Amino acid sequence: KQLRTDLGARDKLRLVTFDMRIRRLIDFADPPSATDSALASIVASGSSAVFDSLAVALTAPAPAGRRHLIMLFSDGQDSSSISDAETLLDVARRSAPTVAMVLASTSTKRPASLQRNASNLGTVTIAGLADQIAADTGGYVVAIDPGDNLTSTFSRVLEQFRTTYV
C-alpha cells in the first residue's frame, strides 16, 4: 500500500503474483478499494514458478518511451517453472526492463531450481542467478532478513531506480 503512495503521477505499476501459475492481480490505476482488497487476498503457498514469472514480466509489453522496472519479491528458489535458468538469463539479456530482486531467503547459496539444472550452467545458486540477472539488466539485488521493513525496502528500490542513468 505504501508503494502505491510513493508513486508519482506518471508512474504505472502492475502487481503480478505467482505460485505455479502467474496472475496479474491488479493495475495500480485501479481504484484504491479494489487494490486494497486484492492486496489483502494474497496468500503465499505451494510451489513457485520464479523463472517463468520473471520471463513473462520481462517480455510483457510496456509503454513506449518509458523505463520499466520489474521488482521481484521472492525467496528466489524455483520449484515449478517450465523455463530453466539458462533460458531465463537469455531472456533477461535480450530484454529492456531493469530487474530488482528483493530476496527473502535464509540461504542464497541453495540451488536456484529444485526442478533441473541448465546443462551449460551447472548448479546455479539463488545468489548467483540473481546477481547475473541484475548485471544483465542494470538492476540490483537486495537481500532482506526476517523482520526487515518491506515498505522502506520497496521505497529504496524505487528511489534507486529513479536516480540511475539509462
N, C-alpha and C. Protein backbone atom coordinates (compact mmCIF):
# COMPACT_ATOMS: atom_id res chain seq x y z
N LYS A 1 0.84 -1.20 0.00
CA LYS A 1 0.00 0.00 0.00
C LYS A 1 0.87 1.25 0.00
N GLN A 2 1.99 1.19 0.73
CA GLN A 2 2.89 2.35 0.77
C GLN A 2 3.52 2.59 -0.59
N LEU A 3 3.84 1.53 -1.31
CA LEU A 3 4.43 1.68 -2.63
C LEU A 3 3.49 2.45 -3.55
N ARG A 4 2.21 2.17 -3.48
CA ARG A 4 1.23 2.91 -4.27
C ARG A 4 1.30 4.39 -3.92
N THR A 5 1.46 4.72 -2.66
CA THR A 5 1.56 6.10 -2.21
C THR A 5 2.84 6.76 -2.71
N ASP A 6 3.91 5.98 -2.82
CA ASP A 6 5.20 6.51 -3.26
C ASP A 6 5.27 6.81 -4.75
N LEU A 7 4.33 6.30 -5.51
CA LEU A 7 4.36 6.50 -6.96
C LEU A 7 3.97 7.92 -7.33
N GLY A 8 4.63 8.43 -8.37
CA GLY A 8 4.30 9.74 -8.89
C GLY A 8 3.14 9.65 -9.86
N ALA A 9 2.67 10.80 -10.32
CA ALA A 9 1.51 10.86 -11.22
C ALA A 9 1.77 10.13 -12.54
N ARG A 10 3.01 10.12 -13.01
CA ARG A 10 3.32 9.46 -14.29
C ARG A 10 3.69 7.99 -14.13
N ASP A 11 3.90 7.54 -12.92
CA ASP A 11 4.28 6.14 -12.69
C ASP A 11 3.11 5.20 -12.92
N LYS A 12 3.42 4.03 -13.42
CA LYS A 12 2.45 2.96 -13.62
C LYS A 12 2.97 1.73 -12.90
N LEU A 13 2.08 1.00 -12.27
CA LEU A 13 2.51 -0.18 -11.53
C LEU A 13 1.49 -1.28 -11.71
N ARG A 14 1.98 -2.47 -11.95
CA ARG A 14 1.14 -3.66 -12.09
C ARG A 14 1.63 -4.67 -11.06
N LEU A 15 0.70 -5.33 -10.39
CA LEU A 15 1.07 -6.35 -9.41
C LEU A 15 0.74 -7.72 -9.97
N VAL A 16 1.76 -8.55 -10.04
CA VAL A 16 1.61 -9.91 -10.54
C VAL A 16 2.01 -10.85 -9.41
N THR A 17 1.17 -11.84 -9.16
CA THR A 17 1.50 -12.84 -8.15
C THR A 17 1.76 -14.16 -8.87
N PHE A 18 2.49 -15.03 -8.20
CA PHE A 18 2.77 -16.32 -8.81
C PHE A 18 2.94 -17.38 -7.74
N ASP A 19 2.54 -18.55 -8.10
CA ASP A 19 2.90 -19.79 -7.42
C ASP A 19 3.27 -20.70 -8.58
N MET A 20 2.49 -21.72 -8.87
CA MET A 20 2.79 -22.47 -10.10
C MET A 20 2.05 -21.86 -11.29
N ARG A 21 1.22 -20.85 -11.02
CA ARG A 21 0.55 -20.06 -12.06
C ARG A 21 0.93 -18.60 -11.88
N ILE A 22 0.82 -17.85 -12.96
CA ILE A 22 1.15 -16.43 -12.95
C ILE A 22 -0.16 -15.67 -13.15
N ARG A 23 -0.45 -14.73 -12.25
CA ARG A 23 -1.69 -13.97 -12.34
C ARG A 23 -1.43 -12.49 -12.18
N ARG A 24 -2.00 -11.69 -13.11
CA ARG A 24 -1.97 -10.24 -12.92
C ARG A 24 -3.10 -9.94 -11.96
N LEU A 25 -2.74 -9.48 -10.80
CA LEU A 25 -3.71 -9.25 -9.74
C LEU A 25 -4.42 -7.92 -9.94
N ILE A 26 -3.63 -6.88 -10.14
CA ILE A 26 -4.22 -5.55 -10.31
C ILE A 26 -3.27 -4.66 -11.10
N ASP A 27 -3.84 -3.63 -11.68
CA ASP A 27 -3.08 -2.50 -12.16
C ASP A 27 -3.33 -1.42 -11.12
N PHE A 28 -2.30 -0.71 -10.74
CA PHE A 28 -2.47 0.25 -9.67
C PHE A 28 -3.23 1.49 -10.12
N ALA A 29 -3.68 1.50 -11.38
CA ALA A 29 -4.60 2.54 -11.82
C ALA A 29 -6.01 2.19 -11.37
N ASP A 30 -6.20 0.95 -10.91
CA ASP A 30 -7.50 0.54 -10.39
C ASP A 30 -7.84 1.37 -9.16
N PRO A 31 -9.12 1.46 -8.81
CA PRO A 31 -9.50 2.24 -7.62
C PRO A 31 -8.82 1.68 -6.36
N PRO A 32 -8.50 2.55 -5.41
CA PRO A 32 -7.83 2.09 -4.18
C PRO A 32 -8.57 0.97 -3.47
N SER A 33 -9.90 0.97 -3.47
CA SER A 33 -10.64 -0.09 -2.79
C SER A 33 -10.37 -1.45 -3.44
N ALA A 34 -10.30 -1.49 -4.77
CA ALA A 34 -10.00 -2.75 -5.47
C ALA A 34 -8.57 -3.18 -5.18
N THR A 35 -7.67 -2.23 -5.15
CA THR A 35 -6.27 -2.52 -4.86
C THR A 35 -6.12 -3.08 -3.45
N ASP A 36 -6.75 -2.44 -2.48
CA ASP A 36 -6.64 -2.88 -1.09
C ASP A 36 -7.20 -4.29 -0.90
N SER A 37 -8.34 -4.59 -1.50
CA SER A 37 -8.91 -5.93 -1.34
C SER A 37 -8.06 -6.97 -2.07
N ALA A 38 -7.48 -6.62 -3.21
CA ALA A 38 -6.60 -7.54 -3.93
C ALA A 38 -5.34 -7.83 -3.11
N LEU A 39 -4.77 -6.80 -2.51
CA LEU A 39 -3.58 -7.00 -1.67
C LEU A 39 -3.90 -7.88 -0.47
N ALA A 40 -5.07 -7.69 0.11
CA ALA A 40 -5.47 -8.48 1.29
C ALA A 40 -5.70 -9.94 0.93
N SER A 41 -5.97 -10.23 -0.34
CA SER A 41 -6.26 -11.60 -0.75
C SER A 41 -5.01 -12.43 -1.04
N ILE A 42 -3.84 -11.84 -1.02
CA ILE A 42 -2.61 -12.57 -1.36
C ILE A 42 -2.27 -13.55 -0.25
N VAL A 43 -2.07 -14.79 -0.65
CA VAL A 43 -1.68 -15.84 0.29
C VAL A 43 -0.49 -16.58 -0.31
N ALA A 44 0.56 -16.74 0.46
CA ALA A 44 1.74 -17.47 -0.01
C ALA A 44 1.57 -18.95 0.29
N SER A 45 1.65 -19.77 -0.77
CA SER A 45 1.57 -21.21 -0.56
C SER A 45 1.96 -21.93 -1.84
N GLY A 46 2.26 -23.20 -1.72
CA GLY A 46 2.52 -24.03 -2.88
C GLY A 46 3.88 -23.82 -3.51
N SER A 47 3.98 -24.27 -4.74
CA SER A 47 5.22 -24.18 -5.48
C SER A 47 5.40 -22.81 -6.10
N SER A 48 6.62 -22.53 -6.58
CA SER A 48 6.93 -21.21 -7.15
C SER A 48 7.54 -21.34 -8.53
N ALA A 49 6.90 -20.67 -9.48
CA ALA A 49 7.43 -20.61 -10.85
C ALA A 49 8.17 -19.29 -11.01
N VAL A 50 9.26 -19.13 -10.28
CA VAL A 50 10.03 -17.89 -10.29
C VAL A 50 10.57 -17.60 -11.69
N PHE A 51 11.18 -18.59 -12.33
CA PHE A 51 11.78 -18.37 -13.64
C PHE A 51 10.72 -17.97 -14.67
N ASP A 52 9.61 -18.72 -14.72
CA ASP A 52 8.55 -18.41 -15.68
C ASP A 52 7.95 -17.02 -15.41
N SER A 53 7.74 -16.69 -14.16
CA SER A 53 7.15 -15.39 -13.80
C SER A 53 8.04 -14.25 -14.24
N LEU A 54 9.31 -14.37 -14.00
CA LEU A 54 10.24 -13.32 -14.40
C LEU A 54 10.35 -13.23 -15.92
N ALA A 55 10.36 -14.37 -16.60
CA ALA A 55 10.41 -14.36 -18.07
C ALA A 55 9.16 -13.70 -18.65
N VAL A 56 8.00 -13.96 -18.09
CA VAL A 56 6.76 -13.32 -18.55
C VAL A 56 6.83 -11.82 -18.31
N ALA A 57 7.28 -11.42 -17.14
CA ALA A 57 7.37 -9.98 -16.82
C ALA A 57 8.37 -9.28 -17.75
N LEU A 58 9.48 -9.94 -18.05
CA LEU A 58 10.50 -9.34 -18.93
C LEU A 58 9.99 -9.16 -20.35
N THR A 59 9.10 -10.01 -20.80
CA THR A 59 8.63 -9.95 -22.19
C THR A 59 7.27 -9.29 -22.34
N ALA A 60 6.64 -8.88 -21.24
CA ALA A 60 5.34 -8.22 -21.31
C ALA A 60 5.48 -6.85 -21.96
N PRO A 61 4.50 -6.46 -22.77
CA PRO A 61 4.58 -5.15 -23.41
C PRO A 61 4.57 -4.03 -22.37
N ALA A 62 5.34 -3.01 -22.64
CA ALA A 62 5.41 -1.84 -21.77
C ALA A 62 5.22 -0.61 -22.64
N PRO A 63 4.73 0.47 -22.05
CA PRO A 63 4.55 1.70 -22.84
C PRO A 63 5.87 2.16 -23.46
N ALA A 64 5.80 2.58 -24.71
CA ALA A 64 6.99 3.06 -25.41
C ALA A 64 7.52 4.33 -24.76
N GLY A 65 8.83 4.48 -24.77
CA GLY A 65 9.45 5.69 -24.27
C GLY A 65 9.50 5.79 -22.75
N ARG A 66 9.24 4.69 -22.07
CA ARG A 66 9.28 4.70 -20.60
C ARG A 66 10.22 3.62 -20.12
N ARG A 67 10.92 3.91 -19.05
CA ARG A 67 11.74 2.88 -18.43
C ARG A 67 10.83 1.92 -17.68
N HIS A 68 11.26 0.68 -17.58
CA HIS A 68 10.43 -0.36 -17.00
C HIS A 68 11.21 -1.06 -15.90
N LEU A 69 10.68 -1.04 -14.69
CA LEU A 69 11.29 -1.71 -13.54
C LEU A 69 10.45 -2.92 -13.16
N ILE A 70 11.11 -4.05 -13.04
CA ILE A 70 10.46 -5.26 -12.51
C ILE A 70 11.07 -5.47 -11.13
N MET A 71 10.21 -5.47 -10.12
CA MET A 71 10.67 -5.73 -8.76
C MET A 71 10.13 -7.10 -8.36
N LEU A 72 11.03 -8.07 -8.25
CA LEU A 72 10.65 -9.42 -7.88
C LEU A 72 10.88 -9.60 -6.39
N PHE A 73 9.84 -10.00 -5.69
CA PHE A 73 9.94 -10.30 -4.27
C PHE A 73 9.72 -11.80 -4.11
N SER A 74 10.76 -12.50 -3.67
CA SER A 74 10.70 -13.96 -3.61
C SER A 74 11.83 -14.47 -2.73
N ASP A 75 11.77 -15.77 -2.41
CA ASP A 75 12.94 -16.38 -1.77
C ASP A 75 13.95 -16.79 -2.84
N GLY A 76 13.54 -16.67 -4.13
CA GLY A 76 14.45 -16.91 -5.24
C GLY A 76 14.56 -18.34 -5.71
N GLN A 77 13.94 -19.28 -4.99
CA GLN A 77 14.08 -20.68 -5.38
C GLN A 77 12.87 -21.13 -6.19
N ASP A 78 13.13 -21.60 -7.39
CA ASP A 78 12.10 -22.05 -8.31
C ASP A 78 11.81 -23.53 -8.07
N SER A 79 10.51 -23.88 -8.12
CA SER A 79 10.17 -25.28 -7.94
C SER A 79 9.17 -25.80 -8.97
N SER A 80 8.75 -24.94 -9.94
CA SER A 80 7.75 -25.45 -10.88
C SER A 80 7.77 -24.81 -12.26
N SER A 81 8.81 -24.11 -12.63
CA SER A 81 8.86 -23.46 -13.94
C SER A 81 9.12 -24.44 -15.07
N ILE A 82 8.63 -24.07 -16.24
CA ILE A 82 8.96 -24.78 -17.46
C ILE A 82 10.33 -24.30 -17.95
N SER A 83 10.59 -23.00 -17.78
CA SER A 83 11.87 -22.41 -18.18
C SER A 83 12.96 -22.85 -17.22
N ASP A 84 14.18 -22.89 -17.72
CA ASP A 84 15.33 -23.17 -16.86
C ASP A 84 16.15 -21.89 -16.69
N ALA A 85 17.16 -21.94 -15.86
CA ALA A 85 17.97 -20.76 -15.56
C ALA A 85 18.64 -20.21 -16.81
N GLU A 86 19.12 -21.08 -17.67
CA GLU A 86 19.80 -20.64 -18.88
C GLU A 86 18.85 -19.86 -19.80
N THR A 87 17.63 -20.35 -19.95
CA THR A 87 16.62 -19.66 -20.76
C THR A 87 16.27 -18.31 -20.15
N LEU A 88 16.09 -18.27 -18.84
CA LEU A 88 15.77 -17.02 -18.16
C LEU A 88 16.88 -15.99 -18.38
N LEU A 89 18.12 -16.39 -18.25
CA LEU A 89 19.23 -15.46 -18.47
C LEU A 89 19.25 -14.95 -19.91
N ASP A 90 18.93 -15.82 -20.86
CA ASP A 90 18.88 -15.40 -22.26
C ASP A 90 17.77 -14.37 -22.47
N VAL A 91 16.62 -14.59 -21.88
CA VAL A 91 15.51 -13.63 -21.98
C VAL A 91 15.93 -12.30 -21.33
N ALA A 92 16.56 -12.35 -20.17
CA ALA A 92 16.99 -11.12 -19.48
C ALA A 92 17.97 -10.32 -20.33
N ARG A 93 18.89 -11.01 -20.98
CA ARG A 93 19.89 -10.32 -21.81
C ARG A 93 19.27 -9.64 -23.02
N ARG A 94 18.15 -10.17 -23.49
CA ARG A 94 17.50 -9.65 -24.70
C ARG A 94 16.35 -8.70 -24.40
N SER A 95 16.16 -8.35 -23.14
CA SER A 95 15.02 -7.53 -22.73
C SER A 95 15.48 -6.18 -22.21
N ALA A 96 14.59 -5.21 -22.26
CA ALA A 96 14.93 -3.86 -21.84
C ALA A 96 14.68 -3.56 -20.36
N PRO A 97 13.72 -4.20 -19.68
CA PRO A 97 13.44 -3.81 -18.30
C PRO A 97 14.62 -4.01 -17.35
N THR A 98 14.64 -3.19 -16.33
CA THR A 98 15.58 -3.33 -15.22
C THR A 98 14.94 -4.26 -14.20
N VAL A 99 15.70 -5.19 -13.65
CA VAL A 99 15.17 -6.13 -12.66
C VAL A 99 15.82 -5.87 -11.30
N ALA A 100 14.98 -5.61 -10.32
CA ALA A 100 15.42 -5.53 -8.93
C ALA A 100 14.87 -6.76 -8.21
N MET A 101 15.75 -7.53 -7.62
CA MET A 101 15.31 -8.74 -6.93
C MET A 101 15.44 -8.52 -5.43
N VAL A 102 14.30 -8.59 -4.74
CA VAL A 102 14.26 -8.49 -3.29
C VAL A 102 14.15 -9.93 -2.79
N LEU A 103 15.27 -10.43 -2.25
CA LEU A 103 15.34 -11.83 -1.84
C LEU A 103 15.11 -11.99 -0.35
N ALA A 104 14.06 -12.70 -0.03
CA ALA A 104 13.75 -13.05 1.35
C ALA A 104 14.14 -14.51 1.53
N SER A 105 15.41 -14.75 1.67
CA SER A 105 15.91 -16.11 1.73
C SER A 105 16.91 -16.24 2.87
N THR A 106 16.79 -17.33 3.57
CA THR A 106 17.76 -17.57 4.65
C THR A 106 19.08 -18.10 4.10
N SER A 107 19.03 -18.66 2.89
CA SER A 107 20.26 -19.17 2.31
C SER A 107 20.24 -18.99 0.79
N THR A 108 20.95 -17.99 0.32
CA THR A 108 21.03 -17.74 -1.12
C THR A 108 22.05 -18.65 -1.80
N LYS A 109 22.69 -19.51 -1.03
CA LYS A 109 23.65 -20.47 -1.60
C LYS A 109 22.96 -21.75 -2.05
N ARG A 110 21.65 -21.86 -1.80
CA ARG A 110 20.88 -23.03 -2.25
C ARG A 110 20.76 -23.00 -3.76
N PRO A 111 20.47 -24.16 -4.38
CA PRO A 111 20.24 -24.18 -5.83
C PRO A 111 19.06 -23.29 -6.19
N ALA A 112 19.17 -22.58 -7.32
CA ALA A 112 18.10 -21.68 -7.75
C ALA A 112 16.87 -22.46 -8.20
N SER A 113 17.05 -23.70 -8.59
CA SER A 113 15.91 -24.51 -9.04
C SER A 113 15.92 -25.87 -8.36
N LEU A 114 14.74 -26.28 -7.96
CA LEU A 114 14.57 -27.64 -7.44
C LEU A 114 14.20 -28.60 -8.56
N GLN A 115 13.90 -28.05 -9.74
CA GLN A 115 13.44 -28.84 -10.86
C GLN A 115 14.57 -29.46 -11.67
N ARG A 116 15.48 -28.62 -12.11
CA ARG A 116 16.52 -29.06 -13.05
C ARG A 116 17.69 -28.10 -13.02
N ASN A 117 18.74 -28.51 -13.61
CA ASN A 117 19.91 -27.64 -13.79
C ASN A 117 20.10 -27.42 -15.28
N ALA A 118 20.42 -26.20 -15.66
CA ALA A 118 20.73 -25.92 -17.07
C ALA A 118 22.08 -26.57 -17.39
N SER A 119 22.14 -27.27 -18.50
CA SER A 119 23.33 -28.04 -18.83
C SER A 119 24.59 -27.20 -18.95
N ASN A 120 24.49 -26.00 -19.49
CA ASN A 120 25.68 -25.17 -19.66
C ASN A 120 26.06 -24.40 -18.39
N LEU A 121 25.15 -24.35 -17.44
CA LEU A 121 25.40 -23.55 -16.24
C LEU A 121 25.76 -24.38 -15.02
N GLY A 122 25.52 -25.66 -15.05
CA GLY A 122 25.74 -26.47 -13.87
C GLY A 122 24.71 -26.11 -12.80
N THR A 123 25.05 -26.30 -11.56
CA THR A 123 24.14 -25.95 -10.49
C THR A 123 24.28 -24.46 -10.17
N VAL A 124 23.23 -23.72 -10.44
CA VAL A 124 23.22 -22.28 -10.23
C VAL A 124 22.58 -22.00 -8.88
N THR A 125 23.23 -21.17 -8.07
CA THR A 125 22.66 -20.81 -6.78
C THR A 125 21.70 -19.64 -6.93
N ILE A 126 20.86 -19.43 -5.93
CA ILE A 126 19.93 -18.29 -5.92
C ILE A 126 20.72 -16.99 -6.06
N ALA A 127 21.78 -16.84 -5.26
CA ALA A 127 22.58 -15.61 -5.31
C ALA A 127 23.26 -15.44 -6.66
N GLY A 128 23.80 -16.51 -7.22
CA GLY A 128 24.48 -16.43 -8.50
C GLY A 128 23.54 -16.02 -9.62
N LEU A 129 22.35 -16.61 -9.65
CA LEU A 129 21.38 -16.26 -10.69
C LEU A 129 20.88 -14.83 -10.51
N ALA A 130 20.57 -14.45 -9.28
CA ALA A 130 20.09 -13.09 -9.01
C ALA A 130 21.14 -12.06 -9.41
N ASP A 131 22.38 -12.31 -9.04
CA ASP A 131 23.46 -11.38 -9.39
C ASP A 131 23.62 -11.25 -10.91
N GLN A 132 23.51 -12.37 -11.63
CA GLN A 132 23.67 -12.34 -13.09
C GLN A 132 22.51 -11.60 -13.75
N ILE A 133 21.29 -11.84 -13.29
CA ILE A 133 20.13 -11.13 -13.86
C ILE A 133 20.26 -9.63 -13.59
N ALA A 134 20.67 -9.27 -12.39
CA ALA A 134 20.86 -7.85 -12.06
C ALA A 134 21.93 -7.24 -12.96
N ALA A 135 23.03 -7.93 -13.16
CA ALA A 135 24.10 -7.41 -14.01
C ALA A 135 23.64 -7.27 -15.46
N ASP A 136 22.88 -8.24 -15.95
CA ASP A 136 22.43 -8.22 -17.35
C ASP A 136 21.35 -7.18 -17.62
N THR A 137 20.62 -6.76 -16.60
CA THR A 137 19.51 -5.82 -16.81
C THR A 137 19.77 -4.44 -16.21
N GLY A 138 20.94 -4.24 -15.63
CA GLY A 138 21.23 -2.96 -14.99
C GLY A 138 20.49 -2.81 -13.67
N GLY A 139 20.12 -3.93 -13.09
CA GLY A 139 19.34 -3.92 -11.85
C GLY A 139 20.19 -4.16 -10.62
N TYR A 140 19.56 -4.67 -9.59
CA TYR A 140 20.24 -4.88 -8.32
C TYR A 140 19.53 -5.94 -7.52
N VAL A 141 20.24 -6.44 -6.53
CA VAL A 141 19.71 -7.47 -5.63
C VAL A 141 19.72 -6.88 -4.23
N VAL A 142 18.61 -7.05 -3.54
CA VAL A 142 18.50 -6.61 -2.15
C VAL A 142 18.12 -7.83 -1.33
N ALA A 143 18.96 -8.21 -0.39
CA ALA A 143 18.64 -9.32 0.50
C ALA A 143 18.00 -8.76 1.76
N ILE A 144 16.90 -9.37 2.17
CA ILE A 144 16.25 -8.91 3.40
C ILE A 144 16.21 -10.06 4.40
N ASP A 145 16.17 -9.69 5.64
CA ASP A 145 16.11 -10.66 6.73
C ASP A 145 14.71 -10.64 7.34
N PRO A 146 14.35 -11.72 8.04
CA PRO A 146 13.06 -11.72 8.73
C PRO A 146 12.96 -10.48 9.64
N GLY A 147 11.83 -9.83 9.58
CA GLY A 147 11.63 -8.65 10.41
C GLY A 147 12.02 -7.34 9.75
N ASP A 148 12.72 -7.40 8.60
CA ASP A 148 13.07 -6.17 7.89
C ASP A 148 11.80 -5.47 7.41
N ASN A 149 11.88 -4.17 7.29
CA ASN A 149 10.75 -3.37 6.87
C ASN A 149 10.64 -3.38 5.35
N LEU A 150 9.60 -4.04 4.84
CA LEU A 150 9.43 -4.13 3.39
C LEU A 150 9.06 -2.79 2.78
N THR A 151 8.33 -1.98 3.51
CA THR A 151 7.95 -0.67 2.99
C THR A 151 9.18 0.15 2.65
N SER A 152 10.13 0.22 3.56
CA SER A 152 11.34 1.01 3.29
C SER A 152 12.20 0.33 2.21
N THR A 153 12.19 -1.00 2.16
CA THR A 153 12.95 -1.70 1.13
C THR A 153 12.40 -1.38 -0.26
N PHE A 154 11.09 -1.48 -0.43
CA PHE A 154 10.48 -1.19 -1.73
C PHE A 154 10.68 0.28 -2.09
N SER A 155 10.54 1.17 -1.14
CA SER A 155 10.75 2.61 -1.41
C SER A 155 12.19 2.88 -1.83
N ARG A 156 13.14 2.22 -1.17
CA ARG A 156 14.55 2.39 -1.50
C ARG A 156 14.85 1.89 -2.92
N VAL A 157 14.28 0.74 -3.30
CA VAL A 157 14.49 0.20 -4.64
C VAL A 157 13.89 1.14 -5.68
N LEU A 158 12.70 1.65 -5.42
CA LEU A 158 12.06 2.58 -6.35
C LEU A 158 12.89 3.85 -6.50
N GLU A 159 13.38 4.38 -5.40
CA GLU A 159 14.20 5.61 -5.46
C GLU A 159 15.51 5.36 -6.18
N GLN A 160 16.12 4.21 -5.95
CA GLN A 160 17.36 3.88 -6.65
C GLN A 160 17.12 3.79 -8.16
N PHE A 161 16.02 3.20 -8.56
CA PHE A 161 15.67 3.09 -9.98
C PHE A 161 15.48 4.49 -10.59
N ARG A 162 14.81 5.34 -9.87
CA ARG A 162 14.52 6.69 -10.38
C ARG A 162 15.80 7.53 -10.55
N THR A 163 16.82 7.24 -9.78
CA THR A 163 18.03 8.06 -9.81
C THR A 163 19.18 7.47 -10.62
N THR A 164 18.94 6.35 -11.31
CA THR A 164 20.00 5.75 -12.12
C THR A 164 19.92 6.28 -13.56
N TYR A 165 21.05 6.23 -14.21
CA TYR A 165 21.14 6.65 -15.60
C TYR A 165 20.64 5.52 -16.51
N VAL A 166 20.13 5.89 -17.67
CA VAL A 166 19.71 4.90 -18.66
C VAL A 166 20.93 4.46 -19.43
